[in-house]
């Protein structure tokens, strides 16, 4: 069974409203507009947690959002202030928003992994290295011969040195080195990735980002909506109220 990357943090947003046949989370963007309803941001059934619950899961980042049924008739926007989340955890939107527990990392990770994806894409940051190799074992096969596979440099030194590798694998263990004596093997425990996807590795932490670029080309994220998009309803831009932490 796949497990979440070490130290990955998550958000789970639960909601229950019988009058909403479907429910979408619309995130506020930097230009103050909102994302559109789509299969990608639809809340999913979570009745195994509580009858009537739906849930939206994502890797942690601060987020400001509203909930809608996909039309202009049924919106929840915290009385015009929008909902905000500033820390990882499990949240319930019900007469406001409250944090009720830590997120279930393994369930979040399993939800985001797509069954037909084939590639693991890793970006590794090593600002002091001129070159970077990835030594890895994929799908319980043999480890690559030292120093491993040369990674591609993605950025300039002023932006931090990020190196990338793409491997066709369903899971892998890996470590990184500069082709010489310098290694990052997560204190000799290796980095473990249990599912295809795009990951960032930095300062000993593995962070899931999204499906890999090759898999998105093969199998784009679904963009069909199950309800008509909302009419031109404008959500007031008001200083967001902080989430209530229980």
Protein backbone atom coordinates (compact mmCIF):
# COMPACT_ATOMS: atom_id res chain seq x y z
CA UNK A 1 0.00 0.00 0.00
CA UNK A 2 1.35 3.45 -0.90
CA UNK A 3 2.11 5.79 1.96
CA UNK A 4 2.48 9.54 2.14
CA UNK A 5 5.95 11.08 1.69
CA UNK A 6 7.78 11.79 4.97
CA UNK A 7 6.68 15.08 6.57
CA UNK A 8 4.18 15.92 3.81
CA UNK A 9 1.43 18.16 5.21
CA UNK A 10 -2.18 18.20 4.03
CA UNK A 11 -5.53 19.96 4.23
CA UNK A 12 -8.87 18.14 4.35
CA UNK A 13 -12.01 20.28 3.98
CA UNK A 14 -15.29 18.57 4.93
CA UNK A 15 -18.75 19.89 4.16
CA UNK A 16 -22.33 18.63 4.31
CA UNK A 17 -25.35 20.40 2.87
CA UNK A 18 -28.26 18.32 1.51
CA UNK A 19 -29.46 21.17 -0.74
CA UNK A 20 -26.22 20.93 -2.74
CA UNK A 21 -26.34 17.99 -5.13
CA UNK A 22 -22.74 18.80 -6.07
CA UNK A 23 -20.21 20.94 -4.24
CA UNK A 24 -17.14 22.71 -5.63
CA UNK A 25 -14.31 24.56 -3.91
CA UNK A 26 -13.42 27.77 -5.76
CA UNK A 27 -10.02 29.14 -4.75
CA UNK A 28 -9.29 32.86 -4.79
CA UNK A 29 -6.45 33.68 -7.19
CA UNK A 30 -3.85 36.48 -6.92
CA UNK A 31 -5.88 38.70 -9.29
CA UNK A 32 -8.92 38.34 -6.94
CA UNK A 33 -10.80 36.13 -9.41
CA UNK A 34 -11.83 32.58 -8.50
CA UNK A 35 -11.21 29.21 -10.09
CA UNK A 36 -14.11 27.71 -12.05
CA UNK A 37 -16.15 24.63 -11.06
CA UNK A 38 -14.61 21.48 -12.53
CA UNK A 39 -14.08 17.82 -11.75
CA UNK A 40 -10.68 18.81 -10.36
CA UNK A 41 -12.12 20.92 -7.53
CA UNK A 42 -15.29 18.97 -6.78
CA UNK A 43 -15.72 17.66 -3.23
CA UNK A 44 -15.87 13.85 -3.07
CA UNK A 45 -17.99 11.50 -1.01
CA UNK A 46 -16.69 11.01 2.53
CA UNK A 47 -19.63 9.22 4.11
CA UNK A 48 -17.19 6.75 5.71
CA UNK A 49 -16.14 9.68 7.94
CA UNK A 50 -19.68 10.90 8.65
CA UNK A 51 -22.99 10.44 6.85
CA UNK A 52 -23.49 13.16 4.25
CA UNK A 53 -19.91 14.40 4.36
CA UNK A 54 -18.01 15.43 1.23
CA UNK A 55 -14.31 16.25 1.26
CA UNK A 56 -11.69 18.19 -0.71
CA UNK A 57 -8.03 17.28 -0.10
CA UNK A 58 -4.86 19.09 -1.15
CA UNK A 59 -1.19 19.40 -0.14
CA UNK A 60 -0.90 22.18 2.42
CA UNK A 61 -0.63 25.79 1.36
CA UNK A 62 -2.50 28.84 2.70
CA UNK A 63 -5.80 29.01 0.84
CA UNK A 64 -8.79 31.35 0.56
CA UNK A 65 -11.96 29.89 -0.94
CA UNK A 66 -15.74 29.71 -1.25
CA UNK A 67 -18.04 26.72 -1.77
CA UNK A 68 -20.76 26.50 -4.43
CA UNK A 69 -23.04 23.94 -6.04
CA UNK A 70 -21.89 25.11 -9.49
CA UNK A 71 -24.68 27.63 -9.99
CA UNK A 72 -25.33 31.16 -8.73
CA UNK A 73 -28.13 29.99 -6.43
CA UNK A 74 -26.24 28.29 -3.64
CA UNK A 75 -23.00 29.81 -2.35
CA UNK A 76 -21.19 29.66 0.96
CA UNK A 77 -18.67 32.49 1.32
CA UNK A 78 -18.49 33.09 5.09
CA UNK A 79 -20.92 36.02 4.87
CA UNK A 80 -18.82 37.75 2.21
CA UNK A 81 -15.48 37.24 3.97
CA UNK A 82 -14.54 33.95 2.21
CA UNK A 83 -13.05 31.00 4.10
CA UNK A 84 -9.33 30.92 4.85
CA UNK A 85 -6.96 28.20 6.06
CA UNK A 86 -3.47 29.06 7.27
CA UNK A 87 -2.26 25.75 8.71
CA UNK A 88 -2.52 22.06 7.79
CA UNK A 89 -5.24 19.89 9.29
CA UNK A 90 -8.78 18.55 8.98
CA UNK A 91 -11.44 21.28 8.75
CA UNK A 92 -15.24 21.30 8.79
CA UNK A 93 -17.20 24.06 7.05
CA UNK A 94 -20.45 24.23 9.00
CA UNK A 95 -21.72 27.54 10.42
CA UNK A 96 -18.21 28.92 9.89
CA UNK A 97 -15.01 26.91 9.67
CA UNK A 98 -13.19 25.02 12.39
CA UNK A 99 -10.13 22.81 12.62
CA UNK A 100 -11.09 19.50 14.22
CA UNK A 101 -7.99 17.30 13.90
CA UNK A 102 -4.83 16.58 11.94
CA UNK A 103 -5.36 15.48 8.34
CA UNK A 104 -5.16 11.77 7.53
CA UNK A 105 -1.97 11.92 5.44
CA UNK A 106 -2.20 8.43 3.97
CA UNK A 107 -5.82 8.87 2.89
CA UNK A 108 -5.00 12.27 1.36
CA UNK A 109 -2.09 10.81 -0.56
CA UNK A 110 -4.09 7.84 -1.86
CA UNK A 111 -6.84 10.20 -3.05
CA UNK A 112 -4.42 12.32 -5.09
CA UNK A 113 -2.63 9.38 -6.75
CA UNK A 114 -4.20 8.53 -10.12
CA UNK A 115 -4.30 4.78 -10.91
CA UNK A 116 -3.18 5.08 -14.57
CA UNK A 117 -0.16 7.32 -13.95
CA UNK A 118 3.28 5.85 -14.70
CA UNK A 119 5.96 8.43 -13.91
CA UNK A 120 7.72 9.82 -10.84
CA UNK A 121 9.16 13.30 -11.41
CA UNK A 122 11.50 14.67 -8.73
CA UNK A 123 12.92 18.15 -8.29
CA UNK A 124 15.82 18.20 -5.80
CA UNK A 125 17.39 21.38 -4.42
CA UNK A 126 21.14 21.46 -3.78
CA UNK A 127 22.42 25.04 -3.95
CA UNK A 128 26.10 24.16 -3.44
CA UNK A 129 26.32 21.34 -5.99
CA UNK A 130 27.37 21.92 -9.60
CA UNK A 131 26.04 18.52 -10.69
CA UNK A 132 23.58 16.11 -9.13
CA UNK A 133 22.96 12.39 -9.53
CA UNK A 134 20.01 10.33 -8.34
CA UNK A 135 20.76 6.81 -7.13
CA UNK A 136 17.48 4.92 -7.03
CA UNK A 137 15.65 1.62 -6.82
CA UNK A 138 12.35 1.48 -8.69
CA UNK A 139 9.60 -1.07 -8.19
CA UNK A 140 11.88 -3.41 -6.16
CA UNK A 141 14.36 -3.78 -9.05
CA UNK A 142 18.13 -3.40 -8.68
CA UNK A 143 19.61 -0.09 -7.55
CA UNK A 144 21.27 2.02 -10.23
CA UNK A 145 25.05 1.80 -10.35
CA UNK A 146 26.85 4.57 -8.46
CA UNK A 147 26.74 7.49 -8.71
CA UNK A 148 23.31 7.00 -10.31
CA UNK A 149 21.50 8.87 -13.09
CA UNK A 150 22.56 12.43 -13.92
CA UNK A 151 19.81 14.93 -13.14
CA UNK A 152 18.92 17.95 -15.29
CA UNK A 153 19.67 21.43 -13.90
CA UNK A 154 16.45 23.46 -13.99
CA UNK A 155 17.35 26.87 -12.55
CA UNK A 156 20.08 29.47 -12.28
CA UNK A 157 22.23 29.77 -9.13
CA UNK A 158 20.45 33.00 -8.15
CA UNK A 159 17.16 31.07 -7.91
CA UNK A 160 18.66 28.14 -6.04
CA UNK A 161 19.94 25.08 -7.86
CA UNK A 162 17.08 22.68 -8.64
CA UNK A 163 17.81 19.39 -10.39
CA UNK A 164 15.18 17.15 -11.98
CA UNK A 165 14.75 13.51 -12.92
CA UNK A 166 11.79 11.63 -14.43
CA UNK A 167 11.55 7.85 -13.90
CA UNK A 168 8.88 5.44 -15.09
CA UNK A 169 7.95 3.75 -11.82
CA UNK A 170 5.05 3.14 -9.47
CA UNK A 171 7.28 3.61 -6.41
CA UNK A 172 10.93 4.20 -5.67
CA UNK A 173 13.60 4.66 -3.03
CA UNK A 174 16.31 7.19 -3.82
CA UNK A 175 19.24 9.25 -2.61
CA UNK A 176 21.19 12.11 -4.18
CA UNK A 177 24.88 12.93 -4.60
CA UNK A 178 27.17 15.36 -6.40
CA UNK A 179 29.10 12.64 -8.21
CA UNK A 180 31.70 12.63 -5.44
CA UNK A 181 31.65 12.27 -1.68
CA UNK A 182 28.63 14.46 -0.89
CA UNK A 183 25.36 12.57 -0.42
CA UNK A 184 21.84 13.34 0.76
CA UNK A 185 20.22 10.05 1.71
CA UNK A 186 17.86 11.33 4.42
CA UNK A 187 20.26 10.28 7.19
CA UNK A 188 20.85 6.89 5.51
CA UNK A 189 17.12 6.09 5.44
CA UNK A 190 16.72 7.03 1.74
CA UNK A 191 13.82 9.02 0.34
CA UNK A 192 10.74 6.85 -0.23
CA UNK A 193 8.07 7.66 -2.81
CA UNK A 194 5.07 5.35 -2.96
CA UNK A 195 3.08 6.64 -5.92
CA UNK A 196 3.60 8.28 -9.34
CA UNK A 197 3.51 12.08 -9.34
CA UNK A 198 5.59 15.26 -9.26
CA UNK A 199 7.57 15.81 -6.05
CA UNK A 200 9.89 18.41 -4.55
CA UNK A 201 12.71 17.29 -2.27
CA UNK A 202 14.39 19.96 -0.18
CA UNK A 203 15.97 20.06 3.29
CA UNK A 204 15.09 16.43 3.95
CA UNK A 205 11.38 16.80 3.12
CA UNK A 206 9.47 15.17 0.23
CA UNK A 207 6.46 17.19 -0.93
CA UNK A 208 3.84 15.95 -3.41
CA UNK A 209 2.95 18.65 -5.97
CA UNK A 210 0.72 17.15 -8.67
CA UNK A 211 0.66 14.42 -11.32
CA UNK A 212 3.91 14.33 -13.31
CA UNK A 213 4.27 16.37 -16.50
CA UNK A 214 4.50 13.24 -18.73
CA UNK A 215 1.35 11.79 -17.14
CA UNK A 216 -0.54 15.06 -17.56
CA UNK A 217 0.32 14.96 -21.28
CA UNK A 218 -0.89 11.35 -21.48
CA UNK A 219 -3.96 11.83 -19.29
CA UNK A 220 -4.97 15.46 -18.65
CA UNK A 221 -6.90 16.32 -15.52
CA UNK A 222 -10.61 15.98 -16.14
CA UNK A 223 -12.20 19.34 -16.82
CA UNK A 224 -15.85 18.42 -17.30
CA UNK A 225 -18.31 19.82 -14.79
CA UNK A 226 -21.39 17.99 -13.61
CA UNK A 227 -23.36 21.21 -13.09
CA UNK A 228 -23.46 24.41 -15.15
CA UNK A 229 -20.81 26.94 -14.11
CA UNK A 230 -22.07 29.75 -11.87
CA UNK A 231 -23.43 32.90 -13.41
CA UNK A 232 -21.49 36.12 -13.04
CA UNK A 233 -21.76 36.31 -9.29
CA UNK A 234 -19.11 38.56 -7.77
CA UNK A 235 -17.77 37.58 -4.37
CA UNK A 236 -16.96 40.60 -2.26
CA UNK A 237 -13.26 41.18 -1.76
CA UNK A 238 -13.05 41.71 1.98
CA UNK A 239 -10.17 41.11 4.34
CA UNK A 240 -10.44 37.40 5.05
CA UNK A 241 -11.38 36.27 8.54
CA UNK A 242 -8.98 33.76 10.11
CA UNK A 243 -10.04 30.15 10.44
CA UNK A 244 -11.37 29.22 13.85
CA UNK A 245 -9.10 26.63 15.44
CA UNK A 246 -10.75 24.22 17.81
